[in-house]
Amino acid sequence: MLNGKGVSNGVGFGNIVILKNEDRVIEKKIVEDSNNEMKRFKEALEKVTKETEEIVNSISGTEQEIMNAYLMIMQDPSLTVETENAITNLNYSAEYAVEVGFNSVIQIFKNMDDEYMAARATDIADIKNRILGKLLNEETINTSKLQPNTIIVAKELTTSDTAKLNFNNVSGIITEIGGTNSHSSIMARTHAIPAVTRVEDATKIFRNGDYVAIDGMLGEIYLNPTEEEKQKLLKIQSQILKENEELEQYKNIETKTKDGYKVELVSNIGTPADVELVLKNTAEGIGLLRSEFLYMDSENMPTEEEQFLSYKEVAEKMEGKPVIIRTLDVGGDKELKYLELEKEANPFLGYRAIRLCLDNIALFKTQLRAILKASNYGNLLIMFPMISSIEELQEAKKILEECKKELDAENIPYKRDIKVGIMIEIPSAALIAYGLARECDFFSIGTNDLIQYTVAVERGNEKISKLYTKYHPAVIKLIKDSIEGAHDAGIFCGMCGEAAGDELLIPLLIGLGLDEFSMNSNKILKSRKIINQLEKEKCKELAEEILRLSSANEVEKKLREFMGVM
């Protein structure tokens, strides 16, 4: 048995087809005729673009929206600037210029702290490899014509590979590289196909035609499974199918405990393309729209009109359901070329998010005006990230009021009573929650950063990753303070960090009085089922017990006991 990271639940049986995504070695080559190299590059890019347009036109739904976003990246002039400069000014061959130019862009995205944006580096690498494939006249496997019951194995399954798949013929996906937020993982979950990533040397271990079984929840892979292993997995598969059928009954119903405590289950999204999954899983709104996707995919600052149209699209698709838009959260380790931000020794504690926006008022106003204008087409809310003091919140609100006055003067309609909230992701904000709550309309707890700032552990540092835990008593106490501070002022408190979708934490958060849970769309129905089977009073008793504990291990043990999971 081999192990990896399960990114899409389910069990699959089938025969291996290996997609050879091996690293090429592109050697440096200086040429005399740079014009000819530029022509070769442009022709290769055009072929890849046309192929992508054909894919977009042949699919629909989530796949089409994802590929449209992929196509937008490909058509962005900033993507090829470095490559073209390398051909024109350095006389590099088209192949080497693509390798160098695209790798520089890939590295920028890889260095971003936001997991969703960092995952876009995979798309850019895919575009690079497809262009190199044309330049080198390579042949590739037609992933649209796979045999039934195929288990795909690849170093990394790219967005274009995924979009061309006939999912009816795919019973599992195994990759060496990938993450929960990669497009292939998202699509695997959309089509209920088990997927396992981070399987070291998978393309070398397996051979075409090998018969395997995979468990996408545990991340387990069985090569030539025994009859006993087959029966075990078939039993799991049967349980999953039964559970999914049962979850259908939790669509389009209220999320409330058995004793009547009602909460909202909403989704975290990164682009307008993600709205389809929100609606499919009947989330009650969007608790976090990461607006930085508009900025990351552009060579220049996105205009007010570009932002307005994007926010308007989401607002209209959600048909009156609440959509919380987080204002720009970049800076420090999230680079925007056109801002020319200085490198920082400790970017997580640096010049980013609201700090950057309050120092770049024109940039901030452009976004706020776009959100206000789009609010006329739906139920939009504004959320400021990384607030650490009342002064920052007051300054942000002041700039928002200036934007409203400007729109009034221009006779542009907007939602005048648009709600304004903040992310509680810095311990100082949680500790002064009572004061902050009187300055805004809602809180949303961002546990990803709150944890790392509370326990002083960079969440991406593997050496100390065991110390990064959402079950730490200090984190739980800060969550409690935030909720109580919000309720004391009569406003609601949500949570948009990963902890909101943790099945073990749900009863504790209910007991603490959390009003809104914002999570990945695929977790909505299971979370609704859990909440609808809980009793608020018992959850409250659980919370009181946990608040008296002094270690993360004790907290997790108590939660497991409560949920009957050991």
Protein backbone atom coordinates (compact mmCIF):
# COMPACT_ATOMS: atom_id res chain seq x y z
CA MET A 1 0.00 0.00 0.00
CA LEU A 2 1.14 3.54 -0.82
CA ASN A 3 0.12 6.68 1.00
CA GLY A 4 -0.47 10.27 -0.07
CA LYS A 5 -2.76 13.17 0.77
CA GLY A 6 -6.43 12.57 0.08
CA VAL A 7 -7.98 15.62 -1.63
CA SER A 8 -11.26 14.18 -2.90
CA ASN A 9 -13.24 11.62 -0.95
CA GLY A 10 -14.34 8.32 -2.45
CA VAL A 11 -13.14 4.89 -3.53
CA GLY A 12 -12.08 4.01 -7.08
CA PHE A 13 -10.96 0.87 -8.94
CA GLY A 14 -9.33 0.80 -12.38
CA ASN A 15 -6.32 0.55 -14.66
CA ILE A 16 -3.47 3.04 -14.67
CA VAL A 17 -2.83 5.52 -17.49
CA ILE A 18 0.33 7.55 -16.87
CA LEU A 19 0.48 11.08 -18.18
CA LYS A 20 4.15 11.84 -18.69
CA ASN A 21 4.72 15.24 -17.13
CA GLU A 22 8.44 14.71 -16.69
CA ASP A 23 10.68 17.73 -16.24
CA ARG A 24 12.39 18.73 -19.45
CA VAL A 25 15.96 19.96 -19.51
CA ILE A 26 15.99 23.09 -21.67
CA GLU A 27 19.56 24.15 -22.31
CA LYS A 28 20.59 27.75 -22.77
CA LYS A 29 20.99 28.62 -26.45
CA ILE A 30 21.90 31.94 -28.06
CA VAL A 31 20.57 32.49 -31.60
CA GLU A 32 21.37 34.98 -34.34
CA ASP A 33 17.86 35.40 -35.76
CA SER A 34 15.74 36.64 -32.83
CA ASN A 35 12.93 37.60 -35.21
CA ASN A 36 12.53 33.98 -36.27
CA GLU A 37 12.53 32.84 -32.64
CA MET A 38 9.85 35.39 -31.81
CA LYS A 39 7.79 34.09 -34.74
CA ARG A 40 8.17 30.49 -33.49
CA PHE A 41 7.12 31.52 -29.99
CA LYS A 42 4.09 33.46 -31.21
CA GLU A 43 2.97 30.57 -33.42
CA ALA A 44 3.27 28.09 -30.54
CA LEU A 45 1.37 30.42 -28.21
CA GLU A 46 -1.36 30.88 -30.82
CA LYS A 47 -1.75 27.09 -31.28
CA VAL A 48 -2.09 26.57 -27.53
CA THR A 49 -4.55 29.47 -27.27
CA LYS A 50 -6.72 28.08 -30.08
CA GLU A 51 -6.70 24.62 -28.49
CA THR A 52 -7.79 26.16 -25.21
CA GLU A 53 -10.59 28.12 -26.87
CA GLU A 54 -11.80 24.87 -28.47
CA ILE A 55 -11.82 23.20 -25.05
CA VAL A 56 -13.79 26.13 -23.56
CA ASN A 57 -16.38 25.89 -26.33
CA SER A 58 -16.77 22.13 -25.91
CA ILE A 59 -17.54 22.12 -22.18
CA SER A 60 -19.93 23.84 -19.80
CA GLY A 61 -20.62 24.59 -16.17
CA THR A 62 -17.77 24.62 -13.64
CA GLU A 63 -15.27 23.22 -16.15
CA GLN A 64 -16.00 26.02 -18.60
CA GLU A 65 -15.70 28.73 -15.97
CA ILE A 66 -12.40 27.32 -14.73
CA MET A 67 -11.04 27.11 -18.26
CA ASN A 68 -12.24 30.64 -18.99
CA ALA A 69 -10.18 31.82 -16.01
CA TYR A 70 -7.25 29.77 -17.35
CA LEU A 71 -7.69 31.35 -20.79
CA MET A 72 -7.69 34.83 -19.23
CA ILE A 73 -4.31 34.09 -17.65
CA MET A 74 -2.99 32.90 -21.02
CA GLN A 75 -4.23 36.02 -22.83
CA ASP A 76 -2.80 38.44 -20.25
CA PRO A 77 0.08 40.29 -22.00
CA SER A 78 2.04 40.39 -18.74
CA LEU A 79 2.45 36.62 -18.88
CA THR A 80 4.80 36.74 -21.85
CA VAL A 81 6.70 39.99 -21.23
CA GLU A 82 9.74 38.27 -19.70
CA THR A 83 9.82 35.66 -22.48
CA GLU A 84 9.64 38.26 -25.25
CA ASN A 85 12.37 40.34 -23.59
CA ALA A 86 14.60 37.27 -23.37
CA ILE A 87 14.19 36.65 -27.12
CA THR A 88 14.54 40.25 -28.25
CA ASN A 89 17.19 41.57 -25.85
CA LEU A 90 19.16 38.44 -24.88
CA ASN A 91 18.86 36.52 -28.16
CA TYR A 92 17.70 33.38 -26.37
CA SER A 93 16.11 30.56 -28.34
CA ALA A 94 12.33 30.43 -28.10
CA GLU A 95 12.51 27.30 -25.92
CA TYR A 96 14.99 28.75 -23.42
CA ALA A 97 13.21 32.11 -23.35
CA VAL A 98 9.92 30.36 -22.49
CA GLU A 99 11.66 28.33 -19.78
CA VAL A 100 13.28 31.39 -18.18
CA GLY A 101 10.44 33.86 -18.74
CA PHE A 102 7.59 31.68 -17.51
CA ASN A 103 9.59 30.37 -14.55
CA SER A 104 10.01 33.91 -13.23
CA VAL A 105 6.22 34.40 -13.28
CA ILE A 106 5.64 30.96 -11.74
CA GLN A 107 7.96 31.81 -8.85
CA ILE A 108 6.03 35.00 -8.06
CA PHE A 109 2.80 33.02 -7.70
CA LYS A 110 4.46 30.22 -5.71
CA ASN A 111 5.69 32.76 -3.15
CA MET A 112 2.19 34.07 -2.44
CA ASP A 113 0.84 33.29 1.02
CA ASP A 114 -2.74 32.86 -0.21
CA GLU A 115 -3.12 29.13 -0.96
CA TYR A 116 -5.63 29.70 -3.76
CA MET A 117 -3.42 32.22 -5.60
CA ALA A 118 -0.28 30.14 -5.06
CA ALA A 119 -2.12 27.25 -6.74
CA ARG A 120 -2.37 29.33 -9.93
CA ALA A 121 1.37 28.74 -10.41
CA THR A 122 0.29 25.29 -11.61
CA ASP A 123 -1.80 26.85 -14.39
CA ILE A 124 1.11 28.99 -15.58
CA ALA A 125 3.46 25.99 -15.51
CA ASP A 126 0.87 24.09 -17.57
CA ILE A 127 0.76 26.87 -20.16
CA LYS A 128 4.56 26.91 -20.29
CA ASN A 129 4.76 23.14 -20.83
CA ARG A 130 2.12 23.19 -23.53
CA ILE A 131 4.00 25.92 -25.42
CA LEU A 132 7.27 23.99 -25.06
CA GLY A 133 5.45 20.90 -26.31
CA LYS A 134 4.56 22.76 -29.52
CA LEU A 135 8.08 24.14 -29.94
CA LEU A 136 9.56 20.67 -29.45
CA ASN A 137 6.91 18.89 -31.58
CA GLU A 138 5.98 16.53 -28.75
CA GLU A 139 2.92 14.28 -28.73
CA THR A 140 0.58 14.01 -25.75
CA ILE A 141 -2.06 11.52 -24.59
CA ASN A 142 -5.61 12.48 -25.56
CA THR A 143 -7.24 12.66 -22.13
CA SER A 144 -10.70 13.05 -23.68
CA LYS A 145 -10.58 9.49 -25.06
CA LEU A 146 -9.60 7.40 -22.08
CA GLN A 147 -10.99 3.91 -21.53
CA PRO A 148 -13.68 3.37 -18.86
CA ASN A 149 -12.43 2.83 -15.28
CA THR A 150 -9.18 4.69 -15.83
CA ILE A 151 -7.01 5.71 -12.89
CA ILE A 152 -4.90 8.67 -14.01
CA VAL A 153 -1.34 8.97 -12.71
CA ALA A 154 0.65 12.13 -13.33
CA LYS A 155 3.40 14.17 -11.78
CA GLU A 156 0.90 17.02 -11.74
CA LEU A 157 -2.54 17.02 -13.37
CA THR A 158 -2.92 20.39 -15.04
CA THR A 159 -5.97 22.53 -15.56
CA SER A 160 -6.06 21.87 -19.31
CA ASP A 161 -5.62 18.12 -18.74
CA THR A 162 -8.50 18.16 -16.27
CA ALA A 163 -10.80 20.17 -18.55
CA LYS A 164 -10.37 17.69 -21.41
CA LEU A 165 -11.18 14.65 -19.27
CA ASN A 166 -14.28 12.59 -19.86
CA PHE A 167 -15.06 12.14 -16.18
CA ASN A 168 -17.44 9.27 -16.95
CA ASN A 169 -14.36 7.18 -17.77
CA VAL A 170 -12.21 8.27 -14.81
CA SER A 171 -12.48 6.40 -11.52
CA GLY A 172 -9.52 7.97 -9.73
CA ILE A 173 -6.61 10.43 -9.87
CA ILE A 174 -3.12 10.03 -8.40
CA THR A 175 -0.49 12.79 -8.59
CA GLU A 176 2.95 13.46 -7.17
CA ILE A 177 2.33 17.20 -6.76
CA GLY A 178 -0.84 19.10 -5.91
CA GLY A 179 -2.99 20.56 -3.19
CA THR A 180 -6.53 20.89 -1.96
CA ASN A 181 -7.08 24.10 -3.94
CA SER A 182 -5.65 22.97 -7.27
CA HIS A 183 -8.16 22.98 -10.11
CA SER A 184 -7.79 19.23 -10.56
CA SER A 185 -8.71 18.72 -6.88
CA ILE A 186 -11.68 21.06 -7.18
CA MET A 187 -12.90 19.26 -10.30
CA ALA A 188 -12.36 15.84 -8.73
CA ARG A 189 -14.58 16.85 -5.81
CA THR A 190 -17.15 18.36 -8.18
CA HIS A 191 -17.46 15.04 -10.02
CA ALA A 192 -17.11 12.91 -6.87
CA ILE A 193 -13.93 11.25 -8.17
CA PRO A 194 -11.44 10.05 -5.52
CA ALA A 195 -8.07 11.77 -5.74
CA VAL A 196 -4.77 11.37 -3.91
CA THR A 197 -1.83 13.71 -4.28
CA ARG A 198 1.73 13.96 -2.91
CA VAL A 199 2.47 10.34 -3.83
CA GLU A 200 6.23 10.33 -4.22
CA ASP A 201 7.55 8.88 -7.51
CA ALA A 202 4.06 7.75 -8.57
CA THR A 203 4.93 8.04 -12.28
CA LYS A 204 7.89 5.71 -11.71
CA ILE A 205 6.27 3.20 -9.35
CA PHE A 206 3.22 2.49 -11.53
CA ARG A 207 3.06 1.18 -15.09
CA ASN A 208 0.39 1.67 -17.71
CA GLY A 209 -2.28 -0.98 -17.28
CA ASP A 210 -1.61 -1.68 -13.59
CA TYR A 211 -4.79 -2.44 -11.66
CA VAL A 212 -5.17 -0.32 -8.53
CA ALA A 213 -7.73 0.79 -5.96
CA ILE A 214 -7.62 4.13 -4.16
CA ASP A 215 -9.21 5.62 -1.06
CA GLY A 216 -9.47 9.38 -1.60
CA MET A 217 -10.27 10.15 2.03
CA LEU A 218 -7.39 8.32 3.71
CA GLY A 219 -5.01 8.84 0.77
CA GLU A 220 -4.35 5.11 0.45
CA ILE A 221 -3.47 3.34 -2.82
CA TYR A 222 -3.50 -0.44 -3.35
CA LEU A 223 -1.57 -1.94 -6.28
CA ASN A 224 -3.23 -5.24 -7.33
CA PRO A 225 -5.49 -5.24 -4.26
CA THR A 226 -6.24 -8.56 -2.59
CA GLU A 227 -9.82 -9.82 -2.36
CA GLU A 228 -9.87 -8.80 1.31
CA GLU A 229 -8.70 -5.26 0.43
CA LYS A 230 -11.28 -5.04 -2.35
CA GLN A 231 -14.10 -6.01 -0.02
CA LYS A 232 -12.96 -3.48 2.57
CA LEU A 233 -12.93 -0.69 -0.03
CA LEU A 234 -16.24 -1.76 -1.56
CA LYS A 235 -17.79 -1.49 1.87
CA ILE A 236 -16.40 2.04 2.25
CA GLN A 237 -17.66 2.90 -1.25
CA SER A 238 -21.12 1.69 -0.36
CA GLN A 239 -21.11 3.77 2.83
CA ILE A 240 -20.03 6.89 0.91
CA LEU A 241 -22.78 6.46 -1.71
CA LYS A 242 -25.33 6.00 1.04
CA GLU A 243 -24.06 9.07 2.90
CA ASN A 244 -24.12 11.23 -0.26
CA GLU A 245 -27.69 10.17 -0.94
CA GLU A 246 -28.61 11.07 2.63
CA LEU A 247 -26.88 14.47 2.31
CA GLU A 248 -29.19 15.38 -0.58
CA GLN A 249 -31.98 15.85 1.96
CA TYR A 250 -29.93 18.66 3.54
CA LYS A 251 -30.11 20.80 0.42
CA ASN A 252 -32.23 23.95 0.60
CA ILE A 253 -33.14 23.61 4.26
CA GLU A 254 -32.35 25.74 7.29
CA THR A 255 -29.19 25.10 9.25
CA LYS A 256 -30.26 24.82 12.87
CA THR A 257 -29.74 22.58 15.88
CA LYS A 258 -32.38 20.19 17.21
CA ASP A 259 -33.29 22.74 19.87
CA GLY A 260 -33.73 25.53 17.31
CA TYR A 261 -30.42 27.46 17.30
CA LYS A 262 -30.04 28.76 13.73
CA VAL A 263 -26.72 29.51 12.05
CA GLU A 264 -25.70 30.32 8.48
CA LEU A 265 -23.52 28.04 6.34
CA VAL A 266 -21.75 30.03 3.63
CA SER A 267 -18.85 29.46 1.22
CA ASN A 268 -15.32 30.73 0.71
CA ILE A 269 -14.55 31.46 -2.97
CA GLY A 270 -11.64 32.77 -5.02
CA THR A 271 -13.24 33.73 -8.35
CA PRO A 272 -16.70 34.16 -9.92
CA ALA A 273 -16.25 30.67 -11.42
CA ASP A 274 -16.60 29.18 -7.93
CA VAL A 275 -20.20 30.40 -7.54
CA GLU A 276 -21.57 27.30 -9.29
CA LEU A 277 -20.31 25.07 -6.47
CA VAL A 278 -21.81 27.48 -3.91
CA LEU A 279 -25.24 27.16 -5.51
CA LYS A 280 -24.95 23.42 -6.13
CA ASN A 281 -24.36 22.81 -2.42
CA THR A 282 -27.09 25.30 -1.43
CA ALA A 283 -24.86 27.48 0.73
CA GLU A 284 -26.74 30.38 2.29
CA GLY A 285 -24.31 32.91 0.89
CA ILE A 286 -20.63 33.68 0.39
CA GLY A 287 -18.71 34.40 3.59
CA LEU A 288 -15.41 35.23 1.90
CA LEU A 289 -14.73 36.43 -1.64
CA ARG A 290 -10.96 36.82 -1.97
CA SER A 291 -10.82 39.92 -4.16
CA GLU A 292 -7.06 39.68 -4.75
CA PHE A 293 -7.58 37.28 -7.66
CA LEU A 294 -8.37 40.33 -9.79
CA TYR A 295 -5.05 41.93 -8.91
CA MET A 296 -2.83 38.86 -9.11
CA ASP A 297 -3.82 37.98 -12.67
CA SER A 298 -3.09 41.41 -14.12
CA GLU A 299 0.00 43.25 -15.30
CA ASN A 300 -1.61 46.55 -14.34
CA MET A 301 -3.91 47.66 -11.56
CA PRO A 302 -7.43 46.40 -12.39
CA THR A 303 -9.66 49.32 -13.24
CA GLU A 304 -12.76 50.31 -11.34
CA GLU A 305 -14.89 49.04 -14.24
CA GLU A 306 -13.13 45.65 -14.36
CA GLN A 307 -13.63 45.17 -10.64
CA PHE A 308 -17.22 46.40 -10.78
CA LEU A 309 -18.13 43.87 -13.50
CA SER A 310 -16.56 40.99 -11.57
CA TYR A 311 -18.29 41.82 -8.27
CA LYS A 312 -21.55 42.48 -10.12
CA GLU A 313 -21.38 39.03 -11.74
CA VAL A 314 -21.09 37.33 -8.35
CA ALA A 315 -23.82 39.51 -6.80
CA GLU A 316 -26.28 38.71 -9.60
CA LYS A 317 -25.54 34.97 -9.58
CA MET A 318 -26.19 34.84 -5.84
CA GLU A 319 -29.66 36.42 -6.31
CA GLY A 320 -29.87 38.37 -3.08
CA LYS A 321 -27.92 35.99 -0.85
CA PRO A 322 -25.16 37.75 1.15
CA VAL A 323 -21.71 38.05 -0.41
CA ILE A 324 -18.87 39.26 1.82
CA ILE A 325 -16.06 40.78 -0.23
CA ARG A 326 -12.71 40.99 1.54
CA THR A 327 -10.85 44.07 0.42
CA LEU A 328 -7.40 43.68 -1.11
CA ASP A 329 -5.19 41.40 0.95
CA VAL A 330 -1.75 41.57 -0.66
CA GLY A 331 1.64 42.92 0.25
CA GLY A 332 4.63 41.50 2.05
CA ASP A 333 4.95 38.01 0.61
CA LYS A 334 2.12 38.50 -1.94
CA GLU A 335 3.75 40.47 -4.70
CA LEU A 336 2.14 42.78 -7.23
CA LYS A 337 4.73 43.82 -9.80
CA TYR A 338 3.07 47.12 -10.53
CA LEU A 339 3.19 48.19 -6.86
CA GLU A 340 6.95 47.58 -6.59
CA LEU A 341 6.76 46.63 -2.92
CA GLU A 342 10.01 46.24 -1.03
CA LYS A 343 11.12 42.81 0.16
CA GLU A 344 10.58 42.36 3.88
CA ALA A 345 12.43 40.26 6.44
CA ASN A 346 9.13 39.14 8.00
CA PRO A 347 6.32 39.67 5.50
CA PHE A 348 3.66 38.02 7.68
CA LEU A 349 4.05 40.89 10.12
CA GLY A 350 4.64 43.48 7.43
CA TYR A 351 3.22 45.94 4.94
CA ARG A 352 0.12 44.16 3.74
CA ALA A 353 -3.69 44.10 3.54
CA ILE A 354 -5.38 47.08 5.24
CA ARG A 355 -1.99 48.62 6.08
CA LEU A 356 -1.11 48.83 2.40
CA CYS A 357 -4.58 50.11 1.42
CA LEU A 358 -4.61 52.89 4.01
CA ASP A 359 -1.24 54.00 2.65
CA ASN A 360 -2.42 53.84 -0.99
CA ILE A 361 -5.75 55.63 -0.86
CA ALA A 362 -6.25 55.86 -4.64
CA LEU A 363 -5.87 52.06 -4.92
CA PHE A 364 -8.23 51.56 -1.99
CA LYS A 365 -10.86 53.96 -3.29
CA THR A 366 -10.90 52.28 -6.71
CA GLN A 367 -11.86 48.99 -5.09
CA LEU A 368 -14.36 50.47 -2.64
CA ARG A 369 -16.12 52.42 -5.40
CA ALA A 370 -16.35 49.23 -7.51
CA ILE A 371 -17.86 47.27 -4.62
CA LEU A 372 -20.34 50.05 -3.82
CA LYS A 373 -21.47 50.25 -7.45
CA ALA A 374 -21.87 46.46 -7.62
CA SER A 375 -23.88 46.49 -4.36
CA ASN A 376 -26.80 47.89 -6.37
CA TYR A 377 -27.11 44.44 -8.02
CA GLY A 378 -27.17 42.20 -4.97
CA ASN A 379 -26.49 41.81 -1.27
CA LEU A 380 -22.82 42.73 -0.94
CA LEU A 381 -20.96 43.33 2.33
CA ILE A 382 -17.48 44.80 2.78
CA MET A 383 -14.85 43.22 5.03
CA PHE A 384 -11.48 44.78 5.97
CA PRO A 385 -8.63 42.27 6.61
CA MET A 386 -5.82 42.40 9.18
CA ILE A 387 -7.35 45.03 11.41
CA SER A 388 -5.26 45.38 14.57
CA SER A 389 -6.67 48.58 16.08
CA ILE A 390 -9.76 50.76 16.25
CA GLU A 391 -7.86 53.58 14.53
CA GLU A 392 -7.30 51.45 11.41
CA LEU A 393 -10.98 50.54 11.23
CA GLN A 394 -12.07 54.16 11.68
CA GLU A 395 -9.70 55.32 8.94
CA ALA A 396 -10.97 52.65 6.53
CA LYS A 397 -14.58 53.62 7.24
CA LYS A 398 -13.74 57.28 6.67
CA ILE A 399 -12.37 56.49 3.20
CA LEU A 400 -15.48 54.43 2.45
CA GLU A 401 -17.67 57.41 3.36
CA GLU A 402 -15.64 59.59 0.99
CA CYS A 403 -16.34 57.09 -1.80
CA LYS A 404 -20.06 57.24 -1.05
CA LYS A 405 -20.04 61.03 -1.31
CA GLU A 406 -18.20 60.82 -4.65
CA LEU A 407 -20.80 58.42 -6.05
CA ASP A 408 -23.61 60.63 -4.76
CA ALA A 409 -22.08 63.60 -6.59
CA GLU A 410 -21.90 61.50 -9.78
CA ASN A 411 -25.51 60.27 -9.34
CA ILE A 412 -24.34 56.63 -9.31
CA PRO A 413 -26.63 54.31 -7.32
CA TYR A 414 -25.37 52.00 -4.59
CA LYS A 415 -26.65 50.25 -1.49
CA ARG A 416 -26.54 53.04 1.09
CA ASP A 417 -26.79 50.78 4.14
CA ILE A 418 -24.10 48.35 2.95
CA LYS A 419 -22.74 46.46 5.95
CA VAL A 420 -19.08 46.81 6.90
CA GLY A 421 -17.15 44.25 8.92
CA ILE A 422 -13.65 43.15 9.79
CA MET A 423 -11.59 39.97 9.93
CA ILE A 424 -10.45 39.00 13.40
CA GLU A 425 -7.10 37.42 12.57
CA ILE A 426 -4.71 39.27 14.88
CA PRO A 427 -4.76 38.58 18.63
CA SER A 428 -4.89 42.32 19.41
CA ALA A 429 -8.21 42.54 17.53
CA ALA A 430 -9.69 39.64 19.46
CA LEU A 431 -8.57 41.17 22.75
CA ILE A 432 -10.32 44.48 21.98
CA ALA A 433 -13.31 42.86 20.29
CA TYR A 434 -15.78 44.69 22.54
CA GLY A 435 -14.54 48.06 21.27
CA LEU A 436 -14.15 47.07 17.62
CA ALA A 437 -17.67 45.62 17.54
CA ARG A 438 -19.13 49.07 18.19
CA GLU A 439 -17.42 50.37 15.06
CA CYS A 440 -18.69 47.80 12.53
CA ASP A 441 -21.58 45.53 11.52
CA PHE A 442 -19.99 42.08 11.76
CA PHE A 443 -16.90 40.04 12.55
CA SER A 444 -15.43 37.10 10.61
CA ILE A 445 -12.70 35.17 12.40
CA GLY A 446 -9.80 34.28 10.12
CA THR A 447 -8.36 31.32 12.01
CA ASN A 448 -5.54 30.58 9.54
CA ASP A 449 -3.65 33.73 10.54
CA LEU A 450 -5.07 33.97 14.06
CA ILE A 451 -3.49 30.61 14.88
CA GLN A 452 -0.07 31.47 13.49
CA TYR A 453 0.03 34.85 15.22
CA THR A 454 -1.18 33.37 18.52
CA VAL A 455 1.20 30.39 18.73
CA ALA A 456 4.07 32.11 16.83
CA VAL A 457 4.26 29.40 14.18
CA GLU A 458 4.52 30.21 10.48
CA ARG A 459 1.86 27.91 9.02
CA GLY A 460 4.01 26.97 6.01
CA ASN A 461 7.02 25.89 8.11
CA GLU A 462 7.09 22.07 8.04
CA LYS A 463 9.70 21.84 10.83
CA ILE A 464 7.32 23.27 13.42
CA SER A 465 4.00 22.39 11.79
CA LYS A 466 2.98 20.21 14.77
CA LEU A 467 2.81 23.36 16.89
CA TYR A 468 0.31 24.95 14.51
CA THR A 469 -3.03 23.73 15.82
CA LYS A 470 -6.57 25.07 15.87
CA TYR A 471 -7.17 23.13 19.10
CA HIS A 472 -4.78 25.30 21.13
CA PRO A 473 -6.61 26.60 24.24
CA ALA A 474 -5.33 30.15 23.62
CA VAL A 475 -6.83 30.16 20.12
CA ILE A 476 -10.15 28.91 21.47
CA LYS A 477 -10.20 31.63 24.14
CA LEU A 478 -9.57 34.31 21.49
CA ILE A 479 -12.43 32.90 19.41
CA LYS A 480 -14.65 33.05 22.50
CA ASP A 481 -13.65 36.69 23.20
CA SER A 482 -14.39 37.66 19.58
CA ILE A 483 -17.86 36.07 19.60
CA GLU A 484 -18.76 37.58 22.96
CA GLY A 485 -17.50 41.01 21.89
CA ALA A 486 -19.64 40.89 18.77
CA HIS A 487 -22.77 39.75 20.60
CA ASP A 488 -22.34 42.36 23.33
CA ALA A 489 -22.62 45.02 20.61
CA GLY A 490 -25.51 43.26 18.86
CA ILE A 491 -23.63 42.23 15.70
CA PHE A 492 -23.05 38.78 14.22
CA CYS A 493 -19.78 36.86 14.31
CA GLY A 494 -18.75 34.43 11.58
CA MET A 495 -15.63 32.42 10.84
CA CYS A 496 -13.97 32.08 7.43
CA GLY A 497 -10.78 30.23 8.35
CA GLU A 498 -10.22 26.50 7.78
CA ALA A 499 -11.40 25.77 11.33
CA ALA A 500 -14.98 26.63 10.30
CA GLY A 501 -15.14 23.45 8.21
CA ASP A 502 -13.55 21.18 10.83
CA GLU A 503 -16.19 18.59 11.77
CA LEU A 504 -14.69 18.14 15.25
CA LEU A 505 -14.80 21.86 16.01
CA ILE A 506 -18.39 22.46 14.87
CA PRO A 507 -20.04 21.55 18.21
CA LEU A 508 -17.54 23.70 20.14
CA LEU A 509 -18.19 26.68 17.84
CA ILE A 510 -21.95 26.17 18.20
CA GLY A 511 -21.47 26.11 21.97
CA LEU A 512 -19.48 29.34 21.85
CA GLY A 513 -22.30 30.98 19.89
CA LEU A 514 -20.79 31.37 16.41
CA ASP A 515 -23.43 32.75 14.02
CA GLU A 516 -21.92 31.93 10.63
CA PHE A 517 -19.62 29.19 9.30
CA SER A 518 -17.83 29.95 6.01
CA MET A 519 -16.04 27.02 4.35
CA ASN A 520 -15.21 25.29 1.07
CA SER A 521 -18.48 24.59 -0.76
CA ASN A 522 -18.01 20.81 -0.77
CA LYS A 523 -18.23 20.77 3.05
CA ILE A 524 -21.58 22.56 3.28
CA LEU A 525 -24.01 19.61 3.27
CA LYS A 526 -22.00 17.46 5.70
CA SER A 527 -21.65 20.42 8.07
CA ARG A 528 -25.38 21.15 7.84
CA LYS A 529 -26.14 17.53 8.71
CA ILE A 530 -23.85 17.68 11.75
CA ILE A 531 -25.34 20.96 13.00
CA ASN A 532 -28.91 19.79 12.51
CA GLN A 533 -28.20 16.78 14.72
CA LEU A 534 -26.65 18.78 17.57
CA GLU A 535 -28.27 20.35 20.62
CA LYS A 536 -27.16 23.89 21.47
CA GLU A 537 -27.35 23.35 25.23
CA LYS A 538 -25.13 20.25 25.11
CA CYS A 539 -22.69 22.12 22.88
CA LYS A 540 -22.65 24.95 25.39
CA GLU A 541 -21.78 22.50 28.17
CA LEU A 542 -19.01 21.08 25.96
CA ALA A 543 -17.61 24.58 25.39
CA GLU A 544 -17.54 25.27 29.13
CA GLU A 545 -15.61 22.03 29.71
CA ILE A 546 -13.11 22.75 26.94
CA LEU A 547 -12.43 26.28 28.17
CA ARG A 548 -11.10 24.73 31.37
CA LEU A 549 -8.57 22.54 29.51
CA SER A 550 -4.93 23.56 29.16
CA SER A 551 -3.55 21.61 26.18
CA ALA A 552 -4.39 21.08 22.52
CA ASN A 553 -4.26 17.30 22.99
CA GLU A 554 -6.85 17.48 25.76
CA VAL A 555 -9.09 19.67 23.62
CA GLU A 556 -8.91 17.35 20.62
CA LYS A 557 -9.52 14.29 22.81
CA LYS A 558 -12.61 15.89 24.37
CA LEU A 559 -13.98 16.84 20.92
CA ARG A 560 -13.44 13.32 19.61
CA GLU A 561 -15.25 11.87 22.61
CA PHE A 562 -18.18 14.23 22.06
CA MET A 563 -18.44 13.36 18.36
CA GLY A 564 -17.82 9.65 18.92
CA VAL A 565 -14.72 9.71 16.71
CA MET A 566 -11.57 8.11 18.11
